[in-house]
N, C-alpha and C. Protein backbone atom coordinates (compact mmCIF):
# COMPACT_ATOMS: atom_id res chain seq x y z
N MET A 1 15.04 -13.81 -0.19
CA MET A 1 13.92 -14.46 0.47
C MET A 1 12.97 -13.34 1.15
N PRO A 2 11.71 -13.47 1.05
CA PRO A 2 10.85 -12.39 1.49
C PRO A 2 10.76 -12.56 3.04
N THR A 3 10.51 -11.46 3.61
CA THR A 3 10.30 -11.28 5.02
C THR A 3 8.79 -11.15 5.35
N TYR A 4 8.35 -11.93 6.27
CA TYR A 4 6.80 -11.80 6.71
C TYR A 4 6.84 -11.35 8.15
N GLU A 5 5.99 -10.42 8.44
CA GLU A 5 5.90 -9.96 9.83
C GLU A 5 4.64 -10.66 10.48
N TYR A 6 4.83 -10.97 11.75
CA TYR A 6 3.73 -11.60 12.52
C TYR A 6 3.61 -10.87 13.84
N HIS A 7 2.44 -11.19 14.45
CA HIS A 7 2.10 -10.74 15.90
C HIS A 7 1.65 -11.88 16.56
N CYS A 8 2.24 -12.23 17.72
CA CYS A 8 1.87 -13.35 18.52
C CYS A 8 0.72 -12.97 19.36
N GLU A 9 -0.45 -13.66 19.28
CA GLU A 9 -1.62 -13.27 20.13
C GLU A 9 -1.58 -13.84 21.51
N GLU A 10 -0.46 -14.62 21.84
CA GLU A 10 -0.31 -15.14 23.20
C GLU A 10 0.53 -14.16 24.01
N CYS A 11 1.71 -13.79 23.51
CA CYS A 11 2.59 -12.92 24.28
C CYS A 11 2.65 -11.48 23.76
N HIS A 12 1.94 -11.19 22.59
CA HIS A 12 1.89 -9.88 22.03
C HIS A 12 3.11 -9.31 21.48
N LYS A 13 4.06 -10.16 21.09
CA LYS A 13 5.31 -9.69 20.63
C LYS A 13 5.18 -9.75 19.05
N ARG A 14 5.88 -8.82 18.35
CA ARG A 14 6.01 -8.75 16.93
C ARG A 14 7.33 -9.43 16.56
N PHE A 15 7.25 -10.12 15.36
CA PHE A 15 8.53 -10.80 14.95
C PHE A 15 8.42 -10.98 13.33
N ALA A 16 9.56 -11.20 12.76
CA ALA A 16 9.55 -11.45 11.33
C ALA A 16 10.13 -12.81 11.03
N VAL A 17 9.68 -13.36 10.01
CA VAL A 17 10.09 -14.73 9.59
C VAL A 17 10.51 -14.64 8.08
N PHE A 18 11.68 -15.29 7.77
CA PHE A 18 12.14 -15.31 6.38
C PHE A 18 11.58 -16.58 5.79
N LEU A 19 10.82 -16.53 4.77
CA LEU A 19 10.31 -17.82 4.09
C LEU A 19 10.35 -17.57 2.65
N SER A 20 10.67 -18.71 1.86
CA SER A 20 10.54 -18.63 0.45
C SER A 20 9.08 -18.68 0.06
N TYR A 21 8.78 -18.38 -1.14
CA TYR A 21 7.40 -18.44 -1.59
C TYR A 21 6.80 -19.73 -1.40
N SER A 22 7.50 -20.84 -1.74
CA SER A 22 6.91 -22.20 -1.59
C SER A 22 6.74 -22.56 -0.01
N GLU A 23 7.66 -21.99 0.85
CA GLU A 23 7.63 -22.40 2.24
C GLU A 23 6.36 -21.62 2.92
N TYR A 24 6.07 -20.47 2.38
CA TYR A 24 4.98 -19.63 3.00
C TYR A 24 3.63 -20.40 3.05
N ASP A 25 3.23 -21.20 2.04
CA ASP A 25 2.02 -21.93 2.13
C ASP A 25 2.06 -23.15 3.03
N GLN A 26 3.18 -23.67 3.30
CA GLN A 26 3.27 -24.85 4.00
C GLN A 26 3.94 -24.74 5.53
N ALA A 27 4.58 -23.64 5.72
CA ALA A 27 5.27 -23.46 7.10
C ALA A 27 4.26 -23.22 8.15
N GLU A 28 4.61 -23.92 9.34
CA GLU A 28 3.83 -23.51 10.51
C GLU A 28 4.57 -22.60 11.33
N VAL A 29 4.15 -21.38 11.53
CA VAL A 29 4.99 -20.30 12.10
C VAL A 29 4.62 -20.28 13.60
N HIS A 30 5.74 -20.23 14.42
CA HIS A 30 5.62 -20.13 15.85
C HIS A 30 6.30 -18.86 16.37
N CYS A 31 5.91 -18.42 17.44
CA CYS A 31 6.47 -17.11 17.99
C CYS A 31 7.84 -17.60 18.57
N PRO A 32 8.93 -16.82 18.22
CA PRO A 32 10.30 -17.13 18.75
C PRO A 32 10.44 -16.76 20.24
N GLU A 33 9.58 -15.85 20.73
CA GLU A 33 9.61 -15.47 22.20
C GLU A 33 8.97 -16.53 23.11
N CYS A 34 7.78 -17.01 22.89
CA CYS A 34 7.07 -17.84 23.70
C CYS A 34 6.72 -19.14 23.14
N GLY A 35 7.04 -19.41 21.82
CA GLY A 35 6.71 -20.63 21.12
C GLY A 35 5.32 -20.87 20.82
N GLY A 36 4.51 -19.74 20.95
CA GLY A 36 3.04 -19.87 20.76
C GLY A 36 2.66 -20.07 19.24
N LYS A 37 1.54 -20.81 19.05
CA LYS A 37 1.21 -21.10 17.63
C LYS A 37 0.14 -20.10 17.14
N LYS A 38 -0.52 -19.35 18.03
CA LYS A 38 -1.55 -18.38 17.70
C LYS A 38 -0.88 -17.08 17.29
N VAL A 39 -0.45 -17.09 15.91
CA VAL A 39 0.15 -15.94 15.41
C VAL A 39 -0.62 -15.35 14.27
N ARG A 40 -0.58 -14.11 14.00
CA ARG A 40 -1.37 -13.44 12.91
C ARG A 40 -0.37 -12.68 12.04
N ARG A 41 -0.46 -12.85 10.82
CA ARG A 41 0.38 -12.12 9.88
C ARG A 41 -0.02 -10.72 9.83
N ARG A 42 1.04 -9.89 9.92
CA ARG A 42 0.86 -8.39 9.80
C ARG A 42 1.24 -7.92 8.35
N ILE A 43 0.50 -7.02 7.93
CA ILE A 43 0.75 -6.40 6.54
C ILE A 43 1.63 -5.25 6.84
N GLY A 44 2.81 -5.17 6.19
CA GLY A 44 3.81 -4.14 6.39
C GLY A 44 3.50 -3.03 5.45
N ARG A 45 4.37 -2.13 5.41
CA ARG A 45 4.32 -0.94 4.44
C ARG A 45 4.12 -1.34 2.99
N ILE A 46 3.50 -0.60 2.29
CA ILE A 46 3.27 -0.89 0.87
C ILE A 46 4.02 0.20 0.16
N ARG A 47 4.74 -0.24 -0.85
CA ARG A 47 5.52 0.76 -1.71
C ARG A 47 4.88 0.63 -3.11
N ILE A 48 4.81 1.92 -3.66
CA ILE A 48 4.22 2.03 -5.00
C ILE A 48 5.38 2.57 -5.91
N ALA A 49 5.74 1.75 -6.94
CA ALA A 49 6.80 2.10 -7.79
C ALA A 49 6.27 3.22 -8.74
N LYS A 50 7.12 4.19 -8.89
CA LYS A 50 6.71 5.36 -9.94
C LYS A 50 7.73 5.36 -10.92
N SER A 51 7.27 5.62 -12.11
CA SER A 51 8.39 5.84 -13.23
C SER A 51 9.11 7.19 -12.91
N GLU A 52 10.27 7.26 -13.52
CA GLU A 52 11.05 8.50 -13.29
C GLU A 52 10.26 9.67 -13.97
N GLU A 53 9.48 9.37 -15.05
CA GLU A 53 8.75 10.36 -15.71
C GLU A 53 7.69 10.91 -14.84
N SER A 54 6.97 10.02 -14.06
CA SER A 54 5.87 10.37 -13.13
C SER A 54 6.56 11.20 -12.04
N ARG A 55 7.67 10.77 -11.42
CA ARG A 55 8.31 11.62 -10.41
C ARG A 55 8.66 13.02 -10.90
N MET A 56 9.14 13.13 -12.06
CA MET A 56 9.62 14.47 -12.63
C MET A 56 8.44 15.34 -12.80
N GLU A 57 7.24 14.70 -13.26
CA GLU A 57 6.04 15.51 -13.45
C GLU A 57 5.57 16.12 -12.15
N ASN A 58 5.77 15.45 -11.01
CA ASN A 58 5.31 15.95 -9.80
C ASN A 58 6.20 17.17 -9.38
N LEU A 59 7.43 17.15 -9.79
CA LEU A 59 8.44 18.15 -9.45
C LEU A 59 8.17 19.46 -10.38
N VAL A 60 7.68 19.24 -11.54
CA VAL A 60 7.47 20.37 -12.56
C VAL A 60 6.24 21.26 -12.25
N ASP A 61 5.47 20.84 -11.37
CA ASP A 61 4.32 21.66 -10.99
C ASP A 61 4.67 23.13 -10.83
N PRO A 62 4.15 23.99 -11.66
CA PRO A 62 4.55 25.41 -11.60
C PRO A 62 4.07 26.11 -10.31
N SER A 63 3.04 25.54 -9.71
CA SER A 63 2.61 26.24 -8.37
C SER A 63 3.64 25.95 -7.31
N SER A 64 4.50 24.90 -7.39
CA SER A 64 5.46 24.65 -6.39
C SER A 64 6.73 25.63 -6.47
N LEU A 65 6.77 26.37 -7.58
CA LEU A 65 7.89 27.32 -7.82
C LEU A 65 7.47 28.83 -7.28
N GLU A 66 6.29 29.04 -7.05
CA GLU A 66 5.89 30.36 -6.65
C GLU A 66 6.48 30.75 -5.27
N GLY A 67 7.14 31.86 -5.34
CA GLY A 67 7.67 32.42 -4.07
C GLY A 67 8.98 31.91 -3.57
N ILE A 68 9.60 30.92 -4.37
CA ILE A 68 10.83 30.41 -3.73
C ILE A 68 12.02 31.44 -3.83
N GLU A 69 11.96 32.31 -4.61
CA GLU A 69 13.08 33.26 -4.75
C GLU A 69 13.15 34.19 -3.50
N ASP A 70 11.91 34.52 -2.94
CA ASP A 70 11.89 35.47 -1.80
C ASP A 70 11.54 34.72 -0.48
N ASP A 71 11.25 33.42 -0.51
CA ASP A 71 10.82 32.74 0.72
C ASP A 71 11.71 31.47 0.95
N PRO A 72 12.68 31.55 1.91
CA PRO A 72 13.47 30.40 2.13
C PRO A 72 12.67 29.06 2.52
N LYS A 73 11.55 29.34 3.26
CA LYS A 73 10.83 28.23 3.68
C LYS A 73 10.12 27.48 2.53
N ALA A 74 9.70 28.26 1.46
CA ALA A 74 9.14 27.72 0.21
C ALA A 74 10.19 26.88 -0.58
N MET A 75 11.48 27.54 -0.54
CA MET A 75 12.57 26.83 -1.13
C MET A 75 12.84 25.49 -0.43
N GLY A 76 12.91 25.51 0.88
CA GLY A 76 13.20 24.33 1.71
C GLY A 76 12.07 23.21 1.42
N ARG A 77 10.85 23.58 1.31
CA ARG A 77 9.72 22.71 1.07
C ARG A 77 9.93 21.94 -0.37
N LEU A 78 10.34 22.85 -1.39
CA LEU A 78 10.56 22.30 -2.63
C LEU A 78 11.76 21.36 -2.72
N MET A 79 12.84 21.71 -1.96
CA MET A 79 13.97 20.80 -1.99
C MET A 79 13.67 19.52 -1.26
N ARG A 80 12.83 19.53 -0.19
CA ARG A 80 12.50 18.40 0.56
C ARG A 80 11.60 17.46 -0.39
N LYS A 81 10.69 18.17 -1.12
CA LYS A 81 9.84 17.42 -2.08
C LYS A 81 10.74 16.69 -3.17
N MET A 82 11.72 17.47 -3.62
CA MET A 82 12.56 16.90 -4.67
C MET A 82 13.30 15.69 -4.08
N GLN A 83 13.88 15.81 -2.91
CA GLN A 83 14.55 14.57 -2.27
C GLN A 83 13.60 13.43 -2.18
N SER A 84 12.26 13.64 -1.75
CA SER A 84 11.34 12.64 -1.62
C SER A 84 11.02 11.97 -2.85
N GLU A 85 10.85 12.65 -4.01
CA GLU A 85 10.47 12.21 -5.26
C GLU A 85 11.65 11.40 -5.85
N LEU A 86 12.80 11.88 -5.63
CA LEU A 86 13.94 11.19 -6.28
C LEU A 86 14.37 9.96 -5.44
N GLY A 87 14.06 9.92 -4.11
CA GLY A 87 14.22 8.77 -3.35
C GLY A 87 15.70 8.34 -3.11
N GLU A 88 16.58 9.40 -3.21
CA GLU A 88 18.04 9.07 -3.05
C GLU A 88 18.44 9.73 -1.77
N ASP A 89 19.46 9.12 -1.13
CA ASP A 89 20.24 9.65 0.08
C ASP A 89 21.11 10.70 -0.50
N VAL A 90 20.89 12.04 -0.02
CA VAL A 90 21.71 13.06 -0.53
C VAL A 90 22.72 13.59 0.49
N GLY A 91 22.66 12.94 1.64
CA GLY A 91 23.73 13.31 2.58
C GLY A 91 23.29 14.33 3.66
N PRO A 92 24.16 14.31 4.75
CA PRO A 92 23.74 15.18 5.83
C PRO A 92 23.87 16.67 5.60
N GLU A 93 24.68 17.04 4.63
CA GLU A 93 24.76 18.48 4.33
C GLU A 93 23.55 19.05 3.67
N PHE A 94 22.92 18.17 2.86
CA PHE A 94 21.62 18.52 2.19
C PHE A 94 20.56 18.64 3.36
N ASP A 95 20.48 17.67 4.15
CA ASP A 95 19.46 17.79 5.20
C ASP A 95 19.63 18.96 6.10
N GLU A 96 20.97 19.36 6.40
CA GLU A 96 21.22 20.53 7.22
C GLU A 96 20.76 21.85 6.47
N VAL A 97 21.01 21.95 5.24
CA VAL A 97 20.67 23.06 4.42
C VAL A 97 19.06 23.18 4.39
N VAL A 98 18.39 22.16 4.03
CA VAL A 98 17.01 22.08 3.99
C VAL A 98 16.33 22.46 5.20
N SER A 99 16.82 21.87 6.37
CA SER A 99 16.35 22.29 7.69
C SER A 99 16.40 23.65 7.98
N ARG A 100 17.56 24.25 7.71
CA ARG A 100 17.77 25.71 7.90
C ARG A 100 16.77 26.57 7.02
N LEU A 101 16.64 26.17 5.78
CA LEU A 101 15.75 26.85 4.94
C LEU A 101 14.33 26.70 5.47
N GLU A 102 13.91 25.57 5.79
CA GLU A 102 12.54 25.35 6.36
C GLU A 102 12.22 26.19 7.62
N LYS A 103 13.26 26.58 8.31
CA LYS A 103 13.19 27.50 9.46
C LYS A 103 13.12 28.97 9.13
N GLY A 104 13.43 29.15 7.78
CA GLY A 104 13.33 30.60 7.40
C GLY A 104 14.68 31.28 7.17
N GLN A 105 15.81 30.51 7.43
CA GLN A 105 17.12 31.09 7.28
C GLN A 105 17.47 31.54 5.94
N ASP A 106 18.10 32.67 5.80
CA ASP A 106 18.49 33.16 4.49
C ASP A 106 19.55 32.33 3.76
N PRO A 107 19.35 31.89 2.47
CA PRO A 107 20.37 31.08 1.75
C PRO A 107 21.77 31.65 1.93
N GLU A 108 21.92 32.95 1.74
CA GLU A 108 23.31 33.53 1.77
C GLU A 108 23.90 33.36 3.21
N GLN A 109 23.11 33.43 4.21
CA GLN A 109 23.59 33.28 5.60
C GLN A 109 24.03 31.77 5.73
N ILE A 110 23.27 30.85 5.22
CA ILE A 110 23.62 29.47 5.27
C ILE A 110 25.01 29.17 4.59
N GLU A 111 25.19 29.83 3.42
CA GLU A 111 26.46 29.69 2.74
C GLU A 111 27.69 30.26 3.54
N LYS A 112 27.41 31.31 4.26
CA LYS A 112 28.51 31.83 5.08
C LYS A 112 28.77 30.97 6.25
N GLU A 113 27.75 30.30 6.83
CA GLU A 113 27.99 29.49 7.98
C GLU A 113 28.43 28.12 7.74
N MET A 114 28.29 27.76 6.36
CA MET A 114 28.65 26.37 5.97
C MET A 114 29.56 26.50 4.79
N PRO A 115 30.79 27.02 4.93
CA PRO A 115 31.71 27.24 3.78
C PRO A 115 32.13 25.90 3.14
N GLU A 116 31.97 24.74 3.84
CA GLU A 116 32.38 23.44 3.20
C GLU A 116 31.52 23.17 2.01
N LEU A 117 30.33 23.72 1.91
CA LEU A 117 29.45 23.52 0.83
C LEU A 117 29.98 24.02 -0.56
N ALA A 118 30.96 25.02 -0.48
CA ALA A 118 31.65 25.53 -1.73
C ALA A 118 32.49 24.40 -2.32
N ASP A 119 32.96 23.51 -1.53
CA ASP A 119 33.87 22.41 -1.91
C ASP A 119 33.10 21.16 -2.58
N LEU A 120 31.75 21.17 -2.48
CA LEU A 120 30.93 20.12 -2.96
C LEU A 120 30.57 20.45 -4.50
N GLY A 121 30.43 19.44 -5.26
CA GLY A 121 30.02 19.65 -6.68
C GLY A 121 30.93 20.56 -7.46
N ASP A 122 30.30 21.54 -8.15
CA ASP A 122 31.09 22.44 -9.07
C ASP A 122 31.62 23.61 -8.33
N GLY A 123 31.40 23.64 -6.82
CA GLY A 123 31.79 24.75 -6.13
C GLY A 123 30.85 25.95 -6.28
N GLY A 124 29.69 25.75 -6.82
CA GLY A 124 28.65 26.82 -7.02
C GLY A 124 27.94 27.17 -5.72
N ASP A 125 27.09 28.11 -5.91
CA ASP A 125 26.29 28.73 -4.75
C ASP A 125 25.10 27.74 -4.62
N LEU A 126 24.39 28.07 -3.45
CA LEU A 126 23.12 27.39 -3.17
C LEU A 126 22.05 27.74 -4.10
N ASP A 127 22.05 28.93 -4.70
CA ASP A 127 21.01 29.40 -5.59
C ASP A 127 21.30 29.30 -6.95
């Protein structure tokens, strides 16, 4: 069932209402806080669906690869972009590594300080 967000113009609280599509046209929405009838629908975030091909094209941009071998910050930015484009939760270890790269920390130093990374995946290196 879709969630619709509202704002009460009487008590200024925000609230959400679950309504089916058929209920939406007929339901009289009241503020759960004050019972007010002067409510205004809020438009929430909009998501745009991208095809996997489109997401991969964004990652293959050759200009995004410039300097990543010598610049940990550039590597961190690319990894953050990859995470964003893929839209998957990659876990706290990934976030920790990317945060360190974005601060300019050397990848080899990160490997030394986070030996548990060697146990992930195929046991390979960060690079």
